[in-house]
Amino acid sequence: MKKKLIFLTCILLIVFFAVGCSQGISVKETIEGNLKTYYEMSDGTWKCGKNFYQHCFKISGRMPNASADSIFVYLSNLEEISFEQAWRAAGLSSSSDDYFSPKEAVLVDWRQK
């Protein structure tokens, strides 16, 4: 009897979570960045890989000694990202302190104007 009750409880939990998750957030738009594919979700958040982000930033400016402006697109859980932070974290800094963790931000697109 106890095994049947545990089995039934497990089945009910699986059904509960399956139904709850399927009624939640859906993909509103799929965007093919030149670095990564990312998604705008129906609740206004953004997704790339397994991580969800609160913001999508399009950051433009001119790097030192560059001949043209660059545009960086970051998905981020940070409130803001400066242009200097953006280009350094894009792989152009020799200091690992300049890079974002995957939970903080991810670069999905980078191009020149």
PDB file of N, CA and C in Angstrom:
ATOM      1  N   MET A   1       0.819  -1.202   0.000  1.00  0.00           N
ATOM      2  CA  MET A   1       0.000   0.000   0.000  1.00  0.00           C
ATOM      3  C   MET A   1       0.860   1.263   0.000  1.00  0.00           C
ATOM      4  N   LYS A   2       1.931   1.237   0.806  1.00  0.00           N
ATOM      5  CA  LYS A   2       2.799   2.398   0.893  1.00  0.00           C
ATOM      6  C   LYS A   2       3.501   2.660  -0.447  1.00  0.00           C
ATOM      7  N   LYS A   3       3.911   1.578  -1.150  1.00  0.00           N
ATOM      8  CA  LYS A   3       4.565   1.733  -2.445  1.00  0.00           C
ATOM      9  C   LYS A   3       3.602   2.323  -3.472  1.00  0.00           C
ATOM     10  N   LYS A   4       2.346   1.896  -3.440  1.00  0.00           N
ATOM     11  CA  LYS A   4       1.351   2.431  -4.362  1.00  0.00           C
ATOM     12  C   LYS A   4       1.122   3.917  -4.110  1.00  0.00           C
ATOM     13  N   LEU A   5       1.087   4.303  -2.842  1.00  0.00           N
ATOM     14  CA  LEU A   5       0.874   5.704  -2.489  1.00  0.00           C
ATOM     15  C   LEU A   5       2.059   6.561  -2.959  1.00  0.00           C
ATOM     16  N   ILE A   6       3.270   6.073  -2.777  1.00  0.00           N
ATOM     17  CA  ILE A   6       4.454   6.793  -3.234  1.00  0.00           C
ATOM     18  C   ILE A   6       4.450   6.898  -4.754  1.00  0.00           C
ATOM     19  N   PHE A   7       4.123   5.801  -5.431  1.00  0.00           N
ATOM     20  CA  PHE A   7       4.058   5.804  -6.885  1.00  0.00           C
ATOM     21  C   PHE A   7       3.020   6.802  -7.387  1.00  0.00           C
ATOM     22  N   LEU A   8       1.847   6.780  -6.801  1.00  0.00           N
ATOM     23  CA  LEU A   8       0.772   7.698  -7.187  1.00  0.00           C
ATOM     24  C   LEU A   8       1.188   9.157  -6.944  1.00  0.00           C
ATOM     25  N   THR A   9       1.833   9.415  -5.824  1.00  0.00           N
ATOM     26  CA  THR A   9       2.305  10.764  -5.520  1.00  0.00           C
ATOM     27  C   THR A   9       3.321  11.238  -6.557  1.00  0.00           C
ATOM     28  N   CYS A  10       4.244  10.349  -6.933  1.00  0.00           N
ATOM     29  CA  CYS A  10       5.242  10.697  -7.962  1.00  0.00           C
ATOM     30  C   CYS A  10       4.569  11.011  -9.295  1.00  0.00           C
ATOM     31  N   ILE A  11       3.603  10.219  -9.690  1.00  0.00           N
ATOM     32  CA  ILE A  11       2.881  10.456 -10.943  1.00  0.00           C
ATOM     33  C   ILE A  11       2.166  11.808 -10.898  1.00  0.00           C
ATOM     34  N   LEU A  12       1.510  12.099  -9.786  1.00  0.00           N
ATOM     35  CA  LEU A  12       0.808  13.379  -9.658  1.00  0.00           C
ATOM     36  C   LEU A  12       1.773  14.558  -9.722  1.00  0.00           C
ATOM     37  N   LEU A  13       2.937  14.433  -9.099  1.00  0.00           N
ATOM     38  CA  LEU A  13       3.929  15.508  -9.159  1.00  0.00           C
ATOM     39  C   LEU A  13       4.446  15.719 -10.580  1.00  0.00           C
ATOM     40  N   ILE A  14       4.690  14.636 -11.287  1.00  0.00           N
ATOM     41  CA  ILE A  14       5.165  14.734 -12.672  1.00  0.00           C
ATOM     42  C   ILE A  14       4.116  15.426 -13.537  1.00  0.00           C
ATOM     43  N   VAL A  15       2.871  15.042 -13.412  1.00  0.00           N
ATOM     44  CA  VAL A  15       1.786  15.660 -14.180  1.00  0.00           C
ATOM     45  C   VAL A  15       1.648  17.134 -13.813  1.00  0.00           C
ATOM     46  N   PHE A  16       1.706  17.438 -12.519  1.00  0.00           N
ATOM     47  CA  PHE A  16       1.582  18.816 -12.057  1.00  0.00           C
ATOM     48  C   PHE A  16       2.662  19.704 -12.672  1.00  0.00           C
ATOM     49  N   PHE A  17       3.938  19.253 -12.622  1.00  0.00           N
ATOM     50  CA  PHE A  17       5.027  20.058 -13.174  1.00  0.00           C
ATOM     51  C   PHE A  17       4.973  20.122 -14.693  1.00  0.00           C
ATOM     52  N   ALA A  18       4.576  19.053 -15.349  1.00  0.00           N
ATOM     53  CA  ALA A  18       4.483  19.055 -16.815  1.00  0.00           C
ATOM     54  C   ALA A  18       3.415  20.037 -17.287  1.00  0.00           C
ATOM     55  N   VAL A  19       2.267  20.035 -16.648  1.00  0.00           N
ATOM     56  CA  VAL A  19       1.183  20.945 -17.026  1.00  0.00           C
ATOM     57  C   VAL A  19       1.556  22.381 -16.684  1.00  0.00           C
ATOM     58  N   GLY A  20       2.148  22.606 -15.522  1.00  0.00           N
ATOM     59  CA  GLY A  20       2.535  23.950 -15.100  1.00  0.00           C
ATOM     60  C   GLY A  20       3.566  24.560 -16.023  1.00  0.00           C
ATOM     61  N   CYS A  21       4.538  23.782 -16.441  1.00  0.00           N
ATOM     62  CA  CYS A  21       5.592  24.305 -17.314  1.00  0.00           C
ATOM     63  C   CYS A  21       5.082  24.563 -18.724  1.00  0.00           C
ATOM     64  N   SER A  22       4.172  23.757 -19.212  1.00  0.00           N
ATOM     65  CA  SER A  22       3.705  23.922 -20.582  1.00  0.00           C
ATOM     66  C   SER A  22       2.816  25.152 -20.746  1.00  0.00           C
ATOM     67  N   GLN A  23       2.245  25.656 -19.664  1.00  0.00           N
ATOM     68  CA  GLN A  23       1.375  26.823 -19.755  1.00  0.00           C
ATOM     69  C   GLN A  23       2.134  28.125 -19.524  1.00  0.00           C
ATOM     70  N   GLY A  24       3.438  28.050 -19.358  1.00  0.00           N
ATOM     71  CA  GLY A  24       4.231  29.221 -19.002  1.00  0.00           C
ATOM     72  C   GLY A  24       4.707  30.011 -20.190  1.00  0.00           C
ATOM     73  N   ILE A  25       5.950  30.311 -20.163  1.00  0.00           N
ATOM     74  CA  ILE A  25       6.584  31.198 -21.128  1.00  0.00           C
ATOM     75  C   ILE A  25       6.811  30.487 -22.462  1.00  0.00           C
ATOM     76  N   SER A  26       6.593  31.212 -23.546  1.00  0.00           N
ATOM     77  CA  SER A  26       6.857  30.654 -24.878  1.00  0.00           C
ATOM     78  C   SER A  26       7.768  31.603 -25.652  1.00  0.00           C
ATOM     79  N   VAL A  27       8.335  31.110 -26.726  1.00  0.00           N
ATOM     80  CA  VAL A  27       9.222  31.906 -27.575  1.00  0.00           C
ATOM     81  C   VAL A  27       8.383  32.846 -28.437  1.00  0.00           C
ATOM     82  N   LYS A  28       8.661  34.128 -28.328  1.00  0.00           N
ATOM     83  CA  LYS A  28       7.967  35.136 -29.133  1.00  0.00           C
ATOM     84  C   LYS A  28       8.679  35.325 -30.473  1.00  0.00           C
ATOM     85  N   GLU A  29      10.036  35.350 -30.419  1.00  0.00           N
ATOM     86  CA  GLU A  29      10.814  35.551 -31.642  1.00  0.00           C
ATOM     87  C   GLU A  29      12.174  34.881 -31.503  1.00  0.00           C
ATOM     88  N   THR A  30      12.623  34.258 -32.575  1.00  0.00           N
ATOM     89  CA  THR A  30      13.966  33.669 -32.641  1.00  0.00           C
ATOM     90  C   THR A  30      14.851  34.606 -33.447  1.00  0.00           C
ATOM     91  N   ILE A  31      16.002  34.954 -32.900  1.00  0.00           N
ATOM     92  CA  ILE A  31      16.913  35.879 -33.562  1.00  0.00           C
ATOM     93  C   ILE A  31      18.252  35.173 -33.793  1.00  0.00           C
ATOM     94  N   GLU A  32      18.703  35.221 -35.036  1.00  0.00           N
ATOM     95  CA  GLU A  32      19.990  34.619 -35.404  1.00  0.00           C
ATOM     96  C   GLU A  32      21.067  35.693 -35.318  1.00  0.00           C
ATOM     97  N   GLY A  33      21.713  35.808 -34.162  1.00  0.00           N
ATOM     98  CA  GLY A  33      22.839  36.718 -34.045  1.00  0.00           C
ATOM     99  C   GLY A  33      24.019  36.126 -34.799  1.00  0.00           C
ATOM    100  N   ASN A  34      25.004  36.933 -35.131  1.00  0.00           N
ATOM    101  CA  ASN A  34      26.128  36.364 -35.862  1.00  0.00           C
ATOM    102  C   ASN A  34      27.061  35.551 -34.964  1.00  0.00           C
ATOM    103  N   LEU A  35      26.833  35.584 -33.647  1.00  0.00           N
ATOM    104  CA  LEU A  35      27.608  34.758 -32.717  1.00  0.00           C
ATOM    105  C   LEU A  35      26.774  33.637 -32.100  1.00  0.00           C
ATOM    106  N   LYS A  36      25.533  33.939 -31.747  1.00  0.00           N
ATOM    107  CA  LYS A  36      24.651  32.953 -31.106  1.00  0.00           C
ATOM    108  C   LYS A  36      23.205  33.213 -31.495  1.00  0.00           C
ATOM    109  N   THR A  37      22.424  32.152 -31.501  1.00  0.00           N
ATOM    110  CA  THR A  37      20.972  32.278 -31.663  1.00  0.00           C
ATOM    111  C   THR A  37      20.392  32.586 -30.291  1.00  0.00           C
ATOM    112  N   TYR A  38      19.447  33.533 -30.248  1.00  0.00           N
ATOM    113  CA  TYR A  38      18.814  33.870 -28.980  1.00  0.00           C
ATOM    114  C   TYR A  38      17.325  34.094 -29.207  1.00  0.00           C
ATOM    115  N   TYR A  39      16.595  34.182 -28.109  1.00  0.00           N
ATOM    116  CA  TYR A  39      15.138  34.187 -28.184  1.00  0.00           C
ATOM    117  C   TYR A  39      14.548  35.288 -27.323  1.00  0.00           C
ATOM    118  N   GLU A  40      13.577  35.988 -27.883  1.00  0.00           N
ATOM    119  CA  GLU A  40      12.750  36.892 -27.088  1.00  0.00           C
ATOM    120  C   GLU A  40      11.574  36.061 -26.609  1.00  0.00           C
ATOM    121  N   MET A  41      11.318  36.088 -25.313  1.00  0.00           N
ATOM    122  CA  MET A  41      10.270  35.256 -24.730  1.00  0.00           C
ATOM    123  C   MET A  41       8.976  36.060 -24.572  1.00  0.00           C
ATOM    124  N   SER A  42       7.882  35.353 -24.427  1.00  0.00           N
ATOM    125  CA  SER A  42       6.562  35.985 -24.347  1.00  0.00           C
ATOM    126  C   SER A  42       6.387  36.858 -23.109  1.00  0.00           C
ATOM    127  N   ASP A  43       7.195  36.639 -22.075  1.00  0.00           N
ATOM    128  CA  ASP A  43       7.083  37.450 -20.857  1.00  0.00           C
ATOM    129  C   ASP A  43       8.039  38.644 -20.841  1.00  0.00           C
ATOM    130  N   GLY A  44       8.732  38.893 -21.978  1.00  0.00           N
ATOM    131  CA  GLY A  44       9.636  40.031 -22.068  1.00  0.00           C
ATOM    132  C   GLY A  44      11.077  39.728 -21.688  1.00  0.00           C
ATOM    133  N   THR A  45      11.357  38.510 -21.263  1.00  0.00           N
ATOM    134  CA  THR A  45      12.735  38.137 -20.967  1.00  0.00           C
ATOM    135  C   THR A  45      13.400  37.624 -22.241  1.00  0.00           C
ATOM    136  N   TRP A  46      14.671  37.309 -22.131  1.00  0.00           N
ATOM    137  CA  TRP A  46      15.469  36.833 -23.262  1.00  0.00           C
ATOM    138  C   TRP A  46      16.150  35.541 -22.861  1.00  0.00           C
ATOM    139  N   LYS A  47      16.423  34.675 -23.842  1.00  0.00           N
ATOM    140  CA  LYS A  47      17.034  33.391 -23.553  1.00  0.00           C
ATOM    141  C   LYS A  47      18.130  33.097 -24.560  1.00  0.00           C
ATOM    142  N   CYS A  48      19.240  32.551 -24.055  1.00  0.00           N
ATOM    143  CA  CYS A  48      20.322  32.070 -24.902  1.00  0.00           C
ATOM    144  C   CYS A  48      20.891  30.838 -24.213  1.00  0.00           C
ATOM    145  N   GLY A  49      20.898  29.724 -24.921  1.00  0.00           N
ATOM    146  CA  GLY A  49      21.321  28.477 -24.282  1.00  0.00           C
ATOM    147  C   GLY A  49      20.352  28.124 -23.174  1.00  0.00           C
ATOM    148  N   LYS A  50      20.881  27.845 -22.004  1.00  0.00           N
ATOM    149  CA  LYS A  50      20.047  27.481 -20.853  1.00  0.00           C
ATOM    150  C   LYS A  50      19.686  28.670 -19.977  1.00  0.00           C
ATOM    151  N   ASN A  51      20.285  29.825 -20.249  1.00  0.00           N
ATOM    152  CA  ASN A  51      20.133  30.980 -19.357  1.00  0.00           C
ATOM    153  C   ASN A  51      19.076  31.960 -19.836  1.00  0.00           C
ATOM    154  N   PHE A  52      18.384  32.555 -18.880  1.00  0.00           N
ATOM    155  CA  PHE A  52      17.401  33.607 -19.130  1.00  0.00           C
ATOM    156  C   PHE A  52      17.971  34.933 -18.661  1.00  0.00           C
ATOM    157  N   TYR A  53      17.633  36.010 -19.391  1.00  0.00           N
ATOM    158  CA  TYR A  53      18.156  37.340 -19.097  1.00  0.00           C
ATOM    159  C   TYR A  53      17.015  38.351 -19.083  1.00  0.00           C
ATOM    160  N   GLN A  54      17.176  39.382 -18.277  1.00  0.00           N
ATOM    161  CA  GLN A  54      16.156  40.421 -18.140  1.00  0.00           C
ATOM    162  C   GLN A  54      16.242  41.498 -19.218  1.00  0.00           C
ATOM    163  N   HIS A  55      17.424  41.713 -19.773  1.00  0.00           N
ATOM    164  CA  HIS A  55      17.636  42.833 -20.693  1.00  0.00           C
ATOM    165  C   HIS A  55      18.328  42.396 -21.980  1.00  0.00           C
ATOM    166  N   CYS A  56      18.062  43.141 -23.046  1.00  0.00           N
ATOM    167  CA  CYS A  56      18.797  43.015 -24.303  1.00  0.00           C
ATOM    168  C   CYS A  56      19.343  44.403 -24.628  1.00  0.00           C
ATOM    169  N   PHE A  57      20.678  44.525 -24.628  1.00  0.00           N
ATOM    170  CA  PHE A  57      21.315  45.810 -24.873  1.00  0.00           C
ATOM    171  C   PHE A  57      21.982  45.825 -26.239  1.00  0.00           C
ATOM    172  N   LYS A  58      21.731  46.884 -27.019  1.00  0.00           N
ATOM    173  CA  LYS A  58      22.455  47.151 -28.262  1.00  0.00           C
ATOM    174  C   LYS A  58      23.348  48.339 -27.964  1.00  0.00           C
ATOM    175  N   ILE A  59      24.643  48.058 -27.865  1.00  0.00           N
ATOM    176  CA  ILE A  59      25.603  49.039 -27.396  1.00  0.00           C
ATOM    177  C   ILE A  59      26.516  49.411 -28.563  1.00  0.00           C
ATOM    178  N   SER A  60      26.560  50.690 -28.903  1.00  0.00           N
ATOM    179  CA  SER A  60      27.398  51.099 -30.039  1.00  0.00           C
ATOM    180  C   SER A  60      28.391  52.168 -29.610  1.00  0.00           C
ATOM    181  N   GLY A  61      29.484  52.208 -30.341  1.00  0.00           N
ATOM    182  CA  GLY A  61      30.534  53.180 -30.083  1.00  0.00           C
ATOM    183  C   GLY A  61      31.763  52.815 -30.891  1.00  0.00           C
ATOM    184  N   ARG A  62      32.834  53.554 -30.672  1.00  0.00           N
ATOM    185  CA  ARG A  62      34.073  53.312 -31.411  1.00  0.00           C
ATOM    186  C   ARG A  62      35.172  52.921 -30.433  1.00  0.00           C
ATOM    187  N   MET A  63      35.780  51.771 -30.702  1.00  0.00           N
ATOM    188  CA  MET A  63      36.888  51.292 -29.884  1.00  0.00           C
ATOM    189  C   MET A  63      38.136  52.121 -30.186  1.00  0.00           C
ATOM    190  N   PRO A  64      39.090  52.175 -29.247  1.00  0.00           N
ATOM    191  CA  PRO A  64      40.321  52.924 -29.484  1.00  0.00           C
ATOM    192  C   PRO A  64      41.023  52.444 -30.762  1.00  0.00           C
ATOM    193  N   ASN A  65      41.443  53.373 -31.590  1.00  0.00           N
ATOM    194  CA  ASN A  65      42.174  53.120 -32.835  1.00  0.00           C
ATOM    195  C   ASN A  65      41.357  52.383 -33.899  1.00  0.00           C
ATOM    196  N   ALA A  66      40.057  52.294 -33.755  1.00  0.00           N
ATOM    197  CA  ALA A  66      39.220  51.621 -34.754  1.00  0.00           C
ATOM    198  C   ALA A  66      38.840  52.603 -35.855  1.00  0.00           C
ATOM    199  N   SER A  67      38.590  52.076 -37.043  1.00  0.00           N
ATOM    200  CA  SER A  67      38.220  52.933 -38.169  1.00  0.00           C
ATOM    201  C   SER A  67      36.704  53.064 -38.331  1.00  0.00           C
ATOM    202  N   ALA A  68      35.948  52.246 -37.615  1.00  0.00           N
ATOM    203  CA  ALA A  68      34.483  52.307 -37.712  1.00  0.00           C
ATOM    204  C   ALA A  68      33.866  51.987 -36.348  1.00  0.00           C
ATOM    205  N   ASP A  69      32.613  52.385 -36.180  1.00  0.00           N
ATOM    206  CA  ASP A  69      31.890  52.062 -34.950  1.00  0.00           C
ATOM    207  C   ASP A  69      31.536  50.583 -34.916  1.00  0.00           C
ATOM    208  N   SER A  70      31.415  50.056 -33.711  1.00  0.00           N
ATOM    209  CA  SER A  70      30.982  48.670 -33.505  1.00  0.00           C
ATOM    210  C   SER A  70      29.659  48.663 -32.755  1.00  0.00           C
ATOM    211  N   ILE A  71      28.870  47.629 -33.011  1.00  0.00           N
ATOM    212  CA  ILE A  71      27.615  47.412 -32.287  1.00  0.00           C
ATOM    213  C   ILE A  71      27.709  46.045 -31.620  1.00  0.00           C
ATOM    214  N   PHE A  72      27.532  46.036 -30.305  1.00  0.00           N
ATOM    215  CA  PHE A  72      27.529  44.800 -29.531  1.00  0.00           C
ATOM    216  C   PHE A  72      26.109  44.571 -29.026  1.00  0.00           C
ATOM    217  N   VAL A  73      25.607  43.359 -29.162  1.00  0.00           N
ATOM    218  CA  VAL A  73      24.301  43.006 -28.612  1.00  0.00           C
ATOM    219  C   VAL A  73      24.549  41.999 -27.492  1.00  0.00           C
ATOM    220  N   TYR A  74      24.188  42.396 -26.294  1.00  0.00           N
ATOM    221  CA  TYR A  74      24.332  41.555 -25.112  1.00  0.00           C
ATOM    222  C   TYR A  74      22.963  41.264 -24.512  1.00  0.00           C
ATOM    223  N   LEU A  75      22.767  40.032 -24.091  1.00  0.00           N
ATOM    224  CA  LEU A  75      21.652  39.702 -23.204  1.00  0.00           C
ATOM    225  C   LEU A  75      22.243  39.768 -21.806  1.00  0.00           C
ATOM    226  N   SER A  76      21.512  40.391 -20.877  1.00  0.00           N
ATOM    227  CA  SER A  76      22.132  40.647 -19.584  1.00  0.00           C
ATOM    228  C   SER A  76      21.136  40.641 -18.432  1.00  0.00           C
ATOM    229  N   ASN A  77      21.630  40.261 -17.268  1.00  0.00           N
ATOM    230  CA  ASN A  77      20.895  40.424 -16.022  1.00  0.00           C
ATOM    231  C   ASN A  77      21.432  41.619 -15.239  1.00  0.00           C
ATOM    232  N   LEU A  78      22.398  42.320 -15.803  1.00  0.00           N
ATOM    233  CA  LEU A  78      22.916  43.549 -15.209  1.00  0.00           C
ATOM    234  C   LEU A  78      22.016  44.705 -15.636  1.00  0.00           C
ATOM    235  N   GLU A  79      21.975  45.751 -14.834  1.00  0.00           N
ATOM    236  CA  GLU A  79      21.118  46.902 -15.140  1.00  0.00           C
ATOM    237  C   GLU A  79      21.632  47.697 -16.338  1.00  0.00           C
ATOM    238  N   GLU A  80      22.944  47.721 -16.536  1.00  0.00           N
ATOM    239  CA  GLU A  80      23.512  48.430 -17.678  1.00  0.00           C
ATOM    240  C   GLU A  80      24.893  47.875 -17.988  1.00  0.00           C
ATOM    241  N   ILE A  81      25.317  48.088 -19.234  1.00  0.00           N
ATOM    242  CA  ILE A  81      26.659  47.711 -19.675  1.00  0.00           C
ATOM    243  C   ILE A  81      27.187  48.891 -20.482  1.00  0.00           C
ATOM    244  N   SER A  82      28.320  49.414 -20.088  1.00  0.00           N
ATOM    245  CA  SER A  82      28.917  50.536 -20.817  1.00  0.00           C
ATOM    246  C   SER A  82      29.585  50.013 -22.088  1.00  0.00           C
ATOM    247  N   PHE A  83      29.883  50.930 -23.016  1.00  0.00           N
ATOM    248  CA  PHE A  83      30.562  50.521 -24.245  1.00  0.00           C
ATOM    249  C   PHE A  83      31.931  49.927 -23.934  1.00  0.00           C
ATOM    250  N   GLU A  84      32.648  50.526 -22.996  1.00  0.00           N
ATOM    251  CA  GLU A  84      33.968  50.002 -22.630  1.00  0.00           C
ATOM    252  C   GLU A  84      33.864  48.584 -22.062  1.00  0.00           C
ATOM    253  N   GLN A  85      32.890  48.353 -21.190  1.00  0.00           N
ATOM    254  CA  GLN A  85      32.675  46.992 -20.673  1.00  0.00           C
ATOM    255  C   GLN A  85      32.345  46.038 -21.811  1.00  0.00           C
ATOM    256  N   ALA A  86      31.527  46.506 -22.756  1.00  0.00           N
ATOM    257  CA  ALA A  86      31.076  45.651 -23.863  1.00  0.00           C
ATOM    258  C   ALA A  86      32.240  45.188 -24.724  1.00  0.00           C
ATOM    259  N   TRP A  87      33.100  46.109 -25.149  1.00  0.00           N
ATOM    260  CA  TRP A  87      34.184  45.675 -26.036  1.00  0.00           C
ATOM    261  C   TRP A  87      35.246  44.885 -25.295  1.00  0.00           C
ATOM    262  N   ARG A  88      35.489  45.216 -24.033  1.00  0.00           N
ATOM    263  CA  ARG A  88      36.473  44.436 -23.267  1.00  0.00           C
ATOM    264  C   ARG A  88      35.980  43.006 -23.058  1.00  0.00           C
ATOM    265  N   ALA A  89      34.709  42.848 -22.698  1.00  0.00           N
ATOM    266  CA  ALA A  89      34.142  41.520 -22.438  1.00  0.00           C
ATOM    267  C   ALA A  89      33.935  40.712 -23.710  1.00  0.00           C
ATOM    268  N   ALA A  90      34.007  41.369 -24.863  1.00  0.00           N
ATOM    269  CA  ALA A  90      33.834  40.670 -26.145  1.00  0.00           C
ATOM    270  C   ALA A  90      35.044  39.833 -26.519  1.00  0.00           C
ATOM    271  N   GLY A  91      36.058  39.838 -25.681  1.00  0.00           N
ATOM    272  CA  GLY A  91      37.249  39.043 -25.942  1.00  0.00           C
ATOM    273  C   GLY A  91      38.464  39.884 -26.267  1.00  0.00           C
ATOM    274  N   LEU A  92      38.349  41.198 -26.099  1.00  0.00           N
ATOM    275  CA  LEU A  92      39.435  42.091 -26.473  1.00  0.00           C
ATOM    276  C   LEU A  92      40.271  42.556 -25.286  1.00  0.00           C
ATOM    277  N   SER A  93      40.020  41.996 -24.127  1.00  0.00           N
ATOM    278  CA  SER A  93      40.793  42.341 -22.942  1.00  0.00           C
ATOM    279  C   SER A  93      41.669  41.160 -22.541  1.00  0.00           C
ATOM    280  N   SER A  94      42.844  41.460 -22.040  1.00  0.00           N
ATOM    281  CA  SER A  94      43.726  40.396 -21.562  1.00  0.00           C
ATOM    282  C   SER A  94      43.462  40.050 -20.098  1.00  0.00           C
ATOM    283  N   SER A  95      42.571  40.792 -19.454  1.00  0.00           N
ATOM    284  CA  SER A  95      42.247  40.535 -18.049  1.00  0.00           C
ATOM    285  C   SER A  95      40.943  39.762 -17.928  1.00  0.00           C
ATOM    286  N   SER A  96      40.979  38.644 -17.246  1.00  0.00           N
ATOM    287  CA  SER A  96      39.757  37.849 -17.066  1.00  0.00           C
ATOM    288  C   SER A  96      38.735  38.562 -16.189  1.00  0.00           C
ATOM    289  N   ASP A  97      39.157  39.588 -15.447  1.00  0.00           N
ATOM    290  CA  ASP A  97      38.222  40.373 -14.637  1.00  0.00           C
ATOM    291  C   ASP A  97      37.242  41.168 -15.494  1.00  0.00           C
ATOM    292  N   ASP A  98      37.575  41.392 -16.767  1.00  0.00           N
ATOM    293  CA  ASP A  98      36.718  42.164 -17.671  1.00  0.00           C
ATOM    294  C   ASP A  98      35.593  41.340 -18.301  1.00  0.00           C
ATOM    295  N   TYR A  99      35.629  40.031 -18.118  1.00  0.00           N
ATOM    296  CA  TYR A  99      34.645  39.159 -18.755  1.00  0.00           C
ATOM    297  C   TYR A  99      33.444  38.938 -17.851  1.00  0.00           C
ATOM    298  N   PHE A 100      32.277  38.719 -18.470  1.00  0.00           N
ATOM    299  CA  PHE A 100      31.055  38.444 -17.729  1.00  0.00           C
ATOM    300  C   PHE A 100      30.908  36.947 -17.513  1.00  0.00           C
ATOM    301  N   SER A 101      30.293  36.574 -16.402  1.00  0.00           N
ATOM    302  CA  SER A 101      29.929  35.171 -16.212  1.00  0.00           C
ATOM    303  C   SER A 101      28.688  34.910 -17.072  1.00  0.00           C
ATOM    304  N   PRO A 102      28.424  33.664 -17.457  1.00  0.00           N
ATOM    305  CA  PRO A 102      27.239  33.373 -18.282  1.00  0.00           C
ATOM    306  C   PRO A 102      25.920  33.783 -17.617  1.00  0.00           C
ATOM    307  N   LYS A 103      25.871  33.839 -16.315  1.00  0.00           N
ATOM    308  CA  LYS A 103      24.646  34.268 -15.618  1.00  0.00           C
ATOM    309  C   LYS A 103      24.472  35.787 -15.678  1.00  0.00           C
ATOM    310  N   GLU A 104      25.584  36.523 -15.810  1.00  0.00           N
ATOM    311  CA  GLU A 104      25.519  37.989 -15.864  1.00  0.00           C
ATOM    312  C   GLU A 104      25.135  38.496 -17.243  1.00  0.00           C
ATOM    313  N   ALA A 105      25.854  38.015 -18.272  1.00  0.00           N
ATOM    314  CA  ALA A 105      25.623  38.531 -19.627  1.00  0.00           C
ATOM    315  C   ALA A 105      26.258  37.608 -20.655  1.00  0.00           C
ATOM    316  N   VAL A 106      25.708  37.661 -21.873  1.00  0.00           N
ATOM    317  CA  VAL A 106      26.264  36.890 -22.987  1.00  0.00           C
ATOM    318  C   VAL A 106      26.217  37.756 -24.247  1.00  0.00           C
ATOM    319  N   LEU A 107      27.313  37.734 -25.003  1.00  0.00           N
ATOM    320  CA  LEU A 107      27.399  38.455 -26.276  1.00  0.00           C
ATOM    321  C   LEU A 107      26.792  37.578 -27.367  1.00  0.00           C
ATOM    322  N   VAL A 108      25.774  38.092 -28.050  1.00  0.00           N
ATOM    323  CA  VAL A 108      25.088  37.303 -29.076  1.00  0.00           C
ATOM    324  C   VAL A 108      25.305  37.836 -30.501  1.00  0.00           C
ATOM    325  N   ASP A 109      25.727  39.108 -30.607  1.00  0.00           N
ATOM    326  CA  ASP A 109      25.944  39.698 -31.927  1.00  0.00           C
ATOM    327  C   ASP A 109      26.977  40.809 -31.809  1.00  0.00           C
ATOM    328  N   TRP A 110      27.811  40.917 -32.846  1.00  0.00           N
ATOM    329  CA  TRP A 110      28.849  41.954 -32.887  1.00  0.00           C
ATOM    330  C   TRP A 110      29.090  42.278 -34.347  1.00  0.00           C
ATOM    331  N   ARG A 111      28.946  43.554 -34.685  1.00  0.00           N
ATOM    332  CA  ARG A 111      29.146  43.966 -36.080  1.00  0.00           C
ATOM    333  C   ARG A 111      29.643  45.399 -36.133  1.00  0.00           C
ATOM    334  N   GLN A 112      30.105  45.792 -37.282  1.00  0.00           N
ATOM    335  CA  GLN A 112      30.512  47.179 -37.492  1.00  0.00           C
ATOM    336  C   GLN A 112      29.412  47.928 -38.206  1.00  0.00           C
ATOM    337  N   LYS A 113      29.303  49.210 -37.912  1.00  0.00           N
ATOM    338  CA  LYS A 113      28.302  50.067 -38.576  1.00  0.00           C
ATOM    339  C   LYS A 113      28.710  50.331 -39.988  1.00  0.00           C
TER     340      LYS A 113
END
